[in-house]
N, C-alpha and C. Protein backbone atom coordinates (compact mmCIF):
# COMPACT_ATOMS: atom_id res chain seq x y z
N MET A 1 0.98 -1.50 -0.01
CA MET A 1 0.07 0.02 -0.02
C MET A 1 0.87 1.27 -0.22
N THR A 2 0.61 2.15 -0.65
CA THR A 2 1.61 3.35 -0.99
C THR A 2 0.96 4.25 0.16
N ASN A 3 1.93 5.45 0.35
CA ASN A 3 1.65 6.48 1.07
C ASN A 3 0.37 7.33 0.50
N ALA A 4 0.05 7.46 -0.50
CA ALA A 4 -0.97 8.37 -0.65
C ALA A 4 -2.69 7.57 -0.23
N LYS A 5 -2.40 6.20 -0.79
CA LYS A 5 -3.50 5.25 0.10
C LYS A 5 -3.59 5.02 1.27
N LYS A 6 -2.50 5.30 2.14
CA LYS A 6 -2.50 5.15 3.48
C LYS A 6 -3.49 6.33 4.07
N LYS A 7 -2.75 7.56 3.65
CA LYS A 7 -3.36 8.84 4.14
C LYS A 7 -4.85 8.66 3.77
N LYS A 8 -5.14 8.61 2.71
CA LYS A 8 -6.88 8.55 2.09
C LYS A 8 -7.63 8.10 3.28
N SER A 9 -7.07 6.68 3.33
CA SER A 9 -7.99 5.63 4.10
C SER A 9 -8.02 5.97 5.53
N ALA A 10 -6.64 6.35 5.99
CA ALA A 10 -6.96 7.03 7.28
C ALA A 10 -7.73 8.45 7.43
N HIS A 11 -7.83 9.07 6.69
CA HIS A 11 -8.55 10.39 7.24
C HIS A 11 -10.22 10.23 6.48
N SER A 12 -10.98 10.64 7.63
CA SER A 12 -12.51 10.15 7.52
C SER A 12 -12.96 11.79 6.92
N ASN A 13 -14.33 11.25 6.09
CA ASN A 13 -14.93 12.26 5.38
C ASN A 13 -15.72 12.95 6.36
N THR A 14 -16.04 12.47 7.10
CA THR A 14 -17.23 12.40 8.35
C THR A 14 -16.70 14.07 9.12
N ILE A 15 -17.33 14.97 8.98
CA ILE A 15 -16.95 16.31 9.66
C ILE A 15 -17.66 16.32 11.49
N ALA A 16 -18.81 15.88 11.42
CA ALA A 16 -19.55 15.79 12.79
C ALA A 16 -20.84 14.95 12.14
N LEU A 17 -21.62 14.33 13.31
CA LEU A 17 -22.44 13.47 13.32
C LEU A 17 -23.64 13.85 14.76
N ASN A 18 -24.58 14.03 14.03
CA ASN A 18 -26.02 14.31 14.90
C ASN A 18 -26.96 13.11 15.52
N LYS A 19 -26.28 12.00 16.51
CA LYS A 19 -26.39 10.82 17.14
C LYS A 19 -27.72 11.07 17.74
N ARG A 20 -28.08 12.48 18.37
CA ARG A 20 -29.25 12.82 19.12
C ARG A 20 -30.36 12.58 18.03
N ALA A 21 -30.27 12.90 16.91
CA ALA A 21 -31.45 13.17 15.72
C ALA A 21 -31.82 11.54 15.74
N LYS A 22 -31.03 10.77 15.93
CA LYS A 22 -31.37 9.37 15.35
C LYS A 22 -32.26 8.79 16.60
N PHE A 23 -31.82 9.35 17.95
CA PHE A 23 -32.64 8.95 18.99
C PHE A 23 -33.97 9.50 19.21
N ASP A 24 -34.15 10.66 18.76
CA ASP A 24 -35.63 11.67 19.01
C ASP A 24 -36.43 11.14 17.86
N TYR A 25 -35.91 11.13 16.69
CA TYR A 25 -37.10 11.00 16.01
C TYR A 25 -36.38 9.66 15.02
N PHE A 26 -37.48 9.62 14.00
CA PHE A 26 -38.07 8.37 13.08
C PHE A 26 -37.34 9.11 11.83
N ILE A 27 -36.52 8.63 11.09
CA ILE A 27 -35.60 9.41 9.88
C ILE A 27 -36.48 8.54 9.04
N GLU A 28 -37.08 9.47 8.14
CA GLU A 28 -37.88 8.50 6.94
C GLU A 28 -37.12 8.50 5.78
N ASP A 29 -36.67 9.79 5.55
CA ASP A 29 -35.76 9.78 4.02
C ASP A 29 -34.72 11.13 4.24
N LYS A 30 -33.54 10.67 3.39
CA LYS A 30 -32.56 11.74 3.45
C LYS A 30 -32.62 12.31 2.46
N PHE A 31 -31.71 13.69 2.42
CA PHE A 31 -30.86 14.73 1.56
C PHE A 31 -29.85 14.85 1.82
N GLU A 32 -29.46 15.05 0.60
CA GLU A 32 -27.97 15.69 0.66
C GLU A 32 -28.31 17.23 0.17
N ALA A 33 -27.21 17.94 0.58
CA ALA A 33 -27.58 19.32 0.70
C ALA A 33 -26.05 20.24 0.73
N GLY A 34 -25.75 21.21 -0.28
CA GLY A 34 -24.41 21.99 -0.25
C GLY A 34 -24.64 22.90 0.86
N MET A 35 -23.66 23.52 0.98
CA MET A 35 -23.85 24.75 2.06
C MET A 35 -22.87 25.97 2.04
N VAL A 36 -23.26 27.32 1.94
CA VAL A 36 -22.54 28.74 1.68
C VAL A 36 -21.79 28.85 2.86
N LEU A 37 -20.93 28.72 2.83
CA LEU A 37 -19.77 29.17 3.85
C LEU A 37 -19.00 29.99 3.57
N GLU A 38 -18.65 30.57 4.47
CA GLU A 38 -17.63 31.88 4.50
C GLU A 38 -15.93 31.29 4.62
N GLY A 39 -14.91 31.35 4.25
CA GLY A 39 -13.57 31.22 4.12
C GLY A 39 -13.13 30.70 5.74
N TRP A 40 -13.39 31.22 6.66
CA TRP A 40 -12.80 31.10 8.18
C TRP A 40 -13.55 29.66 8.37
N GLU A 41 -15.08 29.65 7.88
CA GLU A 41 -15.46 28.50 8.46
C GLU A 41 -15.10 26.91 7.96
N VAL A 42 -14.76 27.28 6.52
CA VAL A 42 -14.15 26.10 6.02
C VAL A 42 -12.81 25.76 6.62
N LYS A 43 -12.02 26.85 7.15
CA LYS A 43 -10.82 26.25 7.66
C LYS A 43 -11.46 25.52 9.10
N SER A 44 -12.42 26.02 9.74
CA SER A 44 -12.42 25.50 10.92
C SER A 44 -13.16 24.32 10.66
N LEU A 45 -13.92 23.65 9.86
CA LEU A 45 -14.33 22.62 9.45
C LEU A 45 -13.59 21.31 8.89
N ARG A 46 -12.37 22.11 8.74
CA ARG A 46 -11.17 20.80 8.05
C ARG A 46 -10.59 20.73 9.64
N GLU A 47 -10.57 21.52 10.66
CA GLU A 47 -10.03 21.10 11.92
C GLU A 47 -10.95 20.18 12.66
N GLY A 48 -12.24 19.88 12.33
CA GLY A 48 -13.01 19.19 12.84
C GLY A 48 -13.99 19.97 13.96
N ARG A 49 -14.06 20.99 13.65
CA ARG A 49 -14.91 22.24 14.71
C ARG A 49 -16.29 22.25 14.76
N ALA A 50 -16.97 21.61 14.49
CA ALA A 50 -18.15 21.93 14.25
C ALA A 50 -19.31 20.86 15.29
N ASN A 51 -20.62 21.49 15.33
CA ASN A 51 -21.52 20.99 16.74
C ASN A 51 -22.51 20.92 16.07
N LEU A 52 -23.30 19.86 15.67
CA LEU A 52 -24.72 19.72 15.10
C LEU A 52 -25.68 19.43 16.30
N SER A 53 -25.30 19.13 16.96
CA SER A 53 -26.10 18.66 18.42
C SER A 53 -27.78 19.27 18.34
N GLU A 54 -27.28 21.06 18.27
CA GLU A 54 -28.73 21.68 18.64
C GLU A 54 -29.12 22.40 17.56
N SER A 55 -28.56 21.77 16.06
CA SER A 55 -29.00 22.44 14.70
C SER A 55 -30.58 22.05 14.42
N TYR A 56 -31.19 23.09 13.64
CA TYR A 56 -32.08 22.39 13.28
C TYR A 56 -32.32 23.21 11.60
N VAL A 57 -33.25 22.65 10.76
CA VAL A 57 -33.38 23.04 9.64
C VAL A 57 -34.60 23.89 9.27
N TYR A 58 -35.03 24.75 8.58
CA TYR A 58 -36.33 25.25 8.00
C TYR A 58 -36.28 25.84 7.07
N VAL A 59 -37.54 25.86 6.28
CA VAL A 59 -37.77 26.28 4.96
C VAL A 59 -38.09 28.01 4.70
N LYS A 60 -38.00 28.58 4.31
CA LYS A 60 -38.43 29.92 4.64
C LYS A 60 -38.37 30.64 2.90
N ASN A 61 -39.07 30.91 2.59
CA ASN A 61 -39.30 32.25 1.30
C ASN A 61 -39.12 30.99 0.27
N GLY A 62 -39.04 29.70 0.31
CA GLY A 62 -38.57 28.61 -0.97
C GLY A 62 -37.01 28.23 -1.10
N GLU A 63 -36.38 28.68 0.36
CA GLU A 63 -35.13 28.65 0.31
C GLU A 63 -35.06 27.90 1.74
N VAL A 64 -33.88 26.85 1.76
CA VAL A 64 -33.65 26.02 2.91
C VAL A 64 -32.44 26.60 3.70
N TRP A 65 -32.43 26.56 5.18
CA TRP A 65 -31.57 27.21 6.23
C TRP A 65 -31.26 26.28 7.46
N ILE A 66 -30.16 26.45 7.80
CA ILE A 66 -30.09 25.52 8.94
C ILE A 66 -29.58 26.73 9.69
N SER A 67 -30.00 26.66 11.34
CA SER A 67 -29.79 27.60 12.13
C SER A 67 -29.17 26.61 13.32
N GLY A 68 -28.43 26.87 14.37
CA GLY A 68 -27.82 26.47 15.75
C GLY A 68 -26.56 25.54 15.58
N LEU A 69 -26.13 25.66 13.93
CA LEU A 69 -25.12 24.97 13.80
C LEU A 69 -23.69 25.59 14.13
N THR A 70 -23.06 24.93 15.24
CA THR A 70 -21.77 25.91 15.47
C THR A 70 -20.66 25.55 15.26
N ILE A 71 -20.20 26.41 14.38
CA ILE A 71 -18.28 26.52 13.90
C ILE A 71 -17.69 27.08 14.81
N THR A 72 -16.77 26.57 15.93
CA THR A 72 -15.63 27.24 16.25
C THR A 72 -14.88 28.00 15.74
N PRO A 73 -14.35 29.25 15.71
CA PRO A 73 -13.61 29.86 15.16
C PRO A 73 -11.91 29.53 15.40
N LEU A 74 -11.06 29.36 14.52
CA LEU A 74 -9.90 29.00 14.72
C LEU A 74 -9.17 30.15 15.48
N ASN A 75 -8.00 30.24 16.40
CA ASN A 75 -7.34 31.24 16.67
C ASN A 75 -6.48 31.89 15.90
N THR A 76 -6.48 31.62 14.70
CA THR A 76 -5.81 32.03 13.53
C THR A 76 -6.59 32.92 12.42
N VAL A 77 -7.63 33.28 12.89
CA VAL A 77 -8.78 34.00 11.91
C VAL A 77 -8.16 35.10 11.91
N SER A 78 -7.87 36.14 10.47
CA SER A 78 -7.25 37.22 10.44
C SER A 78 -8.18 38.18 10.90
N THR A 79 -7.48 39.40 11.38
CA THR A 79 -7.71 40.60 12.04
C THR A 79 -9.14 41.53 11.67
N HIS A 80 -9.26 41.05 10.43
CA HIS A 80 -10.27 42.10 9.67
C HIS A 80 -11.61 41.28 9.25
N ILE A 81 -11.64 40.16 10.10
CA ILE A 81 -13.01 39.32 9.96
C ILE A 81 -13.36 39.15 11.39
N THR A 82 -14.95 39.06 11.77
CA THR A 82 -14.96 39.08 12.96
C THR A 82 -15.95 38.01 12.85
N PRO A 83 -15.88 36.46 13.30
CA PRO A 83 -16.75 35.33 13.26
C PRO A 83 -17.57 35.30 14.23
N LYS A 84 -18.86 34.81 13.26
CA LYS A 84 -19.91 34.76 14.13
C LYS A 84 -20.00 33.05 14.14
N ALA A 85 -19.86 32.21 15.46
CA ALA A 85 -19.83 30.81 15.43
C ALA A 85 -21.30 30.54 15.11
N ASN A 86 -22.19 30.91 15.61
CA ASN A 86 -23.95 30.10 15.02
C ASN A 86 -24.75 30.92 14.10
N ARG A 87 -24.08 31.61 13.14
CA ARG A 87 -24.20 32.16 12.04
C ARG A 87 -25.24 31.11 11.13
N ILE A 88 -26.65 31.78 10.73
CA ILE A 88 -27.54 31.00 10.01
C ILE A 88 -27.09 30.76 8.61
N LYS A 89 -26.76 29.37 8.21
CA LYS A 89 -26.40 29.25 6.77
C LYS A 89 -27.55 28.80 5.63
N LYS A 90 -27.19 29.23 4.58
CA LYS A 90 -27.92 28.44 3.21
C LYS A 90 -27.42 27.57 3.39
N LEU A 91 -28.69 26.04 2.88
CA LEU A 91 -28.41 25.03 2.04
C LEU A 91 -29.01 25.44 0.71
N LEU A 92 -28.19 24.38 0.15
CA LEU A 92 -28.28 24.24 -1.29
C LEU A 92 -29.07 22.95 -1.46
N LEU A 93 -30.22 23.27 -2.43
CA LEU A 93 -30.79 22.21 -2.80
C LEU A 93 -31.86 22.15 -4.43
N ASN A 94 -31.74 21.15 -4.79
CA ASN A 94 -32.91 21.45 -6.29
C ASN A 94 -34.06 21.81 -5.81
N ALA A 95 -34.88 22.77 -6.66
CA ALA A 95 -36.19 22.89 -6.63
C ALA A 95 -37.32 21.98 -6.16
N VAL A 96 -36.62 21.15 -7.03
CA VAL A 96 -37.81 19.68 -6.96
C VAL A 96 -37.55 19.02 -5.14
N GLU A 97 -36.53 19.15 -5.17
CA GLU A 97 -36.08 18.96 -3.15
C GLU A 97 -36.77 19.51 -2.33
N ILE A 98 -36.60 20.87 -2.77
CA ILE A 98 -37.28 22.05 -1.88
C ILE A 98 -38.60 21.89 -1.94
N ASP A 99 -39.16 21.67 -2.84
CA ASP A 99 -40.90 21.48 -3.03
C ASP A 99 -41.56 20.35 -2.31
N ARG A 100 -40.58 19.16 -2.15
CA ARG A 100 -40.92 18.33 -2.03
C ARG A 100 -40.95 18.35 -0.28
N LEU A 101 -39.91 19.04 0.21
CA LEU A 101 -39.64 19.19 1.75
C LEU A 101 -40.61 20.15 2.14
N ILE A 102 -41.12 20.80 1.53
CA ILE A 102 -42.56 22.38 1.72
C ILE A 102 -43.45 21.34 2.25
N GLY A 103 -43.36 20.35 1.18
CA GLY A 103 -44.53 19.66 1.19
C GLY A 103 -44.87 18.73 2.42
N ALA A 104 -43.93 18.02 2.66
CA ALA A 104 -44.03 17.05 3.70
C ALA A 104 -43.60 17.77 4.97
N THR A 105 -43.14 18.83 5.14
CA THR A 105 -43.07 19.65 6.60
C THR A 105 -44.66 20.37 6.96
N GLU A 106 -45.40 21.28 5.56
CA GLU A 106 -46.35 22.05 5.88
C GLU A 106 -47.66 21.37 5.86
N ARG A 107 -47.60 19.88 4.86
CA ARG A 107 -48.81 19.06 4.84
C ARG A 107 -48.83 18.04 5.73
N LYS A 108 -47.81 17.24 5.94
CA LYS A 108 -47.64 15.86 6.51
C LYS A 108 -47.03 15.94 7.75
N GLY A 109 -46.52 17.22 8.40
CA GLY A 109 -46.30 17.42 9.91
C GLY A 109 -44.96 16.55 10.35
N TYR A 110 -44.03 16.80 9.15
CA TYR A 110 -42.65 16.17 9.29
C TYR A 110 -41.27 17.50 9.65
N THR A 111 -40.40 16.70 10.36
CA THR A 111 -39.79 17.92 10.87
C THR A 111 -38.50 17.52 9.81
N LEU A 112 -37.66 18.51 9.64
CA LEU A 112 -36.29 18.59 8.80
C LEU A 112 -34.86 18.65 10.31
N VAL A 113 -34.47 17.66 9.88
CA VAL A 113 -33.15 17.63 11.06
C VAL A 113 -31.83 17.15 10.56
N SER A 114 -30.91 18.06 10.60
CA SER A 114 -29.61 17.71 9.82
C SER A 114 -29.46 16.80 11.20
N THR A 115 -28.68 15.31 9.98
CA THR A 115 -27.79 14.33 11.01
C THR A 115 -26.59 14.43 10.67
N ALA A 116 -25.64 14.89 9.70
CA ALA A 116 -24.37 14.74 9.28
C ALA A 116 -24.00 15.59 8.69
N LEU A 117 -22.38 15.92 9.01
CA LEU A 117 -22.00 17.32 8.12
C LEU A 117 -20.54 16.38 7.58
N TYR A 118 -20.60 16.29 5.97
CA TYR A 118 -19.19 15.77 5.62
C TYR A 118 -18.42 16.37 4.66
N TRP A 119 -17.33 16.01 4.24
CA TRP A 119 -16.56 15.86 2.92
C TRP A 119 -17.30 15.39 1.72
N LYS A 120 -17.56 16.24 0.65
CA LYS A 120 -17.53 15.58 -0.83
C LYS A 120 -16.87 16.27 -1.52
N ARG A 121 -16.10 15.48 -2.45
CA ARG A 121 -15.34 16.23 -3.41
C ARG A 121 -14.60 17.25 -3.02
N ASN A 122 -13.89 17.56 -1.68
CA ASN A 122 -13.82 19.01 -1.28
C ASN A 122 -14.89 20.05 -0.79
N ARG A 123 -16.14 19.47 -0.87
CA ARG A 123 -17.03 20.49 -0.66
C ARG A 123 -17.92 19.95 0.64
N VAL A 124 -18.24 20.83 1.40
CA VAL A 124 -18.66 20.40 2.85
C VAL A 124 -20.54 20.05 2.22
N LYS A 125 -20.88 19.00 2.70
CA LYS A 125 -22.16 18.72 2.57
C LYS A 125 -22.85 18.32 3.91
N CYS A 126 -24.10 18.40 3.63
CA CYS A 126 -25.30 18.29 5.13
C CYS A 126 -26.11 17.16 4.80
N GLU A 127 -26.47 16.56 5.42
CA GLU A 127 -27.34 15.31 5.52
C GLU A 127 -28.77 15.88 6.08
N ILE A 128 -29.69 16.03 5.66
CA ILE A 128 -30.88 16.61 6.08
C ILE A 128 -31.75 15.24 6.36
N GLY A 129 -32.43 14.91 7.61
CA GLY A 129 -33.32 14.17 7.42
C GLY A 129 -34.84 14.18 7.29
N LEU A 130 -35.72 13.94 6.68
CA LEU A 130 -36.88 14.18 7.11
C LEU A 130 -37.68 13.28 8.11
N ALA A 131 -38.14 13.76 9.11
CA ALA A 131 -38.32 13.15 10.32
C ALA A 131 -39.85 13.30 11.02
N LYS A 132 -40.24 12.19 11.90
CA LYS A 132 -41.32 12.16 12.54
C LYS A 132 -40.75 12.40 13.98
N GLY A 133 -41.19 13.02 14.97
CA GLY A 133 -41.10 12.65 16.59
C GLY A 133 -41.06 11.45 17.34
N LYS A 134 -40.28 11.01 17.83
CA LYS A 134 -40.64 9.58 18.63
C LYS A 134 -41.39 10.11 19.95
N LYS A 135 -42.24 9.35 20.23
CA LYS A 135 -42.92 9.31 21.45
C LYS A 135 -41.90 9.09 22.76
N GLN A 136 -42.11 8.93 24.04
CA GLN A 136 -41.05 8.34 25.05
C GLN A 136 -41.25 7.01 24.91
N HIS A 137 -42.57 6.11 24.80
CA HIS A 137 -42.24 4.64 24.71
C HIS A 137 -41.51 4.09 23.51
N ASP A 138 -41.54 4.97 22.34
CA ASP A 138 -40.79 4.68 21.28
C ASP A 138 -38.98 4.59 21.82
N LYS A 139 -38.58 5.78 22.53
CA LYS A 139 -37.52 5.88 22.99
C LYS A 139 -36.85 4.71 23.59
N ARG A 140 -38.16 4.20 25.02
CA ARG A 140 -37.66 3.37 25.29
C ARG A 140 -37.64 1.87 24.92
N ALA A 141 -38.28 1.63 24.06
CA ALA A 141 -38.34 0.66 22.76
C ALA A 141 -36.84 0.61 22.15
N THR A 142 -36.59 1.63 21.57
CA THR A 142 -34.65 1.87 21.30
C THR A 142 -33.82 1.68 21.75
N ILE A 143 -34.06 2.13 23.48
CA ILE A 143 -32.87 1.63 24.11
C ILE A 143 -33.25 0.22 24.66
N LYS A 144 -34.15 -0.31 24.86
CA LYS A 144 -34.20 -1.65 24.84
C LYS A 144 -33.52 -2.58 24.09
N GLU A 145 -33.72 -2.30 22.66
CA GLU A 145 -33.39 -2.98 21.50
C GLU A 145 -31.51 -2.79 21.41
N ARG A 146 -31.22 -1.53 21.64
CA ARG A 146 -30.04 -1.62 21.95
C ARG A 146 -29.15 -2.52 22.78
N GLU A 147 -30.09 -2.11 24.05
CA GLU A 147 -29.10 -3.09 25.18
C GLU A 147 -29.26 -4.59 25.05
N TRP A 148 -30.04 -5.01 24.17
CA TRP A 148 -30.41 -6.37 23.91
C TRP A 148 -29.07 -7.13 22.41
N ASN A 149 -29.28 -6.11 21.90
CA ASN A 149 -27.95 -6.44 21.07
C ASN A 149 -26.98 -6.27 21.36
N ARG A 150 -26.48 -5.29 22.22
CA ARG A 150 -25.21 -5.55 23.03
C ARG A 150 -25.03 -6.44 23.70
N ASP A 151 -26.17 -7.23 24.57
CA ASP A 151 -26.15 -8.56 25.14
C ASP A 151 -25.84 -9.49 24.42
N LYS A 152 -26.65 -9.83 23.44
CA LYS A 152 -26.48 -10.48 22.44
C LYS A 152 -25.42 -10.77 21.64
N SER A 153 -24.19 -9.62 21.59
CA SER A 153 -23.06 -9.82 21.08
C SER A 153 -21.98 -10.57 22.09
N ARG A 154 -22.27 -10.04 23.22
CA ARG A 154 -21.47 -10.39 24.32
C ARG A 154 -21.71 -11.92 24.62
N ILE A 155 -22.93 -12.36 24.70
CA ILE A 155 -23.20 -13.97 24.56
C ILE A 155 -22.66 -14.67 23.40
N LEU A 156 -22.65 -14.04 22.30
CA LEU A 156 -21.84 -14.74 21.12
C LEU A 156 -20.55 -14.88 21.27
N LYS A 157 -19.84 -13.47 21.75
CA LYS A 157 -18.58 -13.53 21.81
C LYS A 157 -17.75 -14.58 23.05
N GLY A 158 -18.64 -14.59 24.27
CA GLY A 158 -18.34 -15.56 25.15
C GLY A 158 -18.33 -16.99 25.24
N HIS A 159 -19.21 -17.38 23.65
CA HIS A 159 -19.17 -19.08 23.33
C HIS A 159 -18.23 -19.09 22.06
């Protein structure tokens, strides 16, 4: 294996994951959206300084926006820029996808949740999930299933 292949396999494309979204929602459909970013935000994302846990996605005036995504600025940001860590960012989707999201959120009662942030061909992509909220008993069932799978793997490993 050459050095170039080693470097590529060792480096992950994932910047940040929103594990809480999979626990709180039933994610039924996923979309990939580009993001409009400033230069300092891209540099911070290369260092992995992003937090998706409190972010949410909404549609306004036929455009999709993400709010609550925290990108911590680097110390080396130039002096003439004042970085805002919680700036509202525009997401880039096709018109057909935006129409589908509008229909699902307004008529069917779905919620838009950001599930992941990752690199794809040197561009930052945000994975958006079309989701329905889980009730408390659904969350308990999820926990029970996860614990059973963990116990099952322990039992199989012991034999």
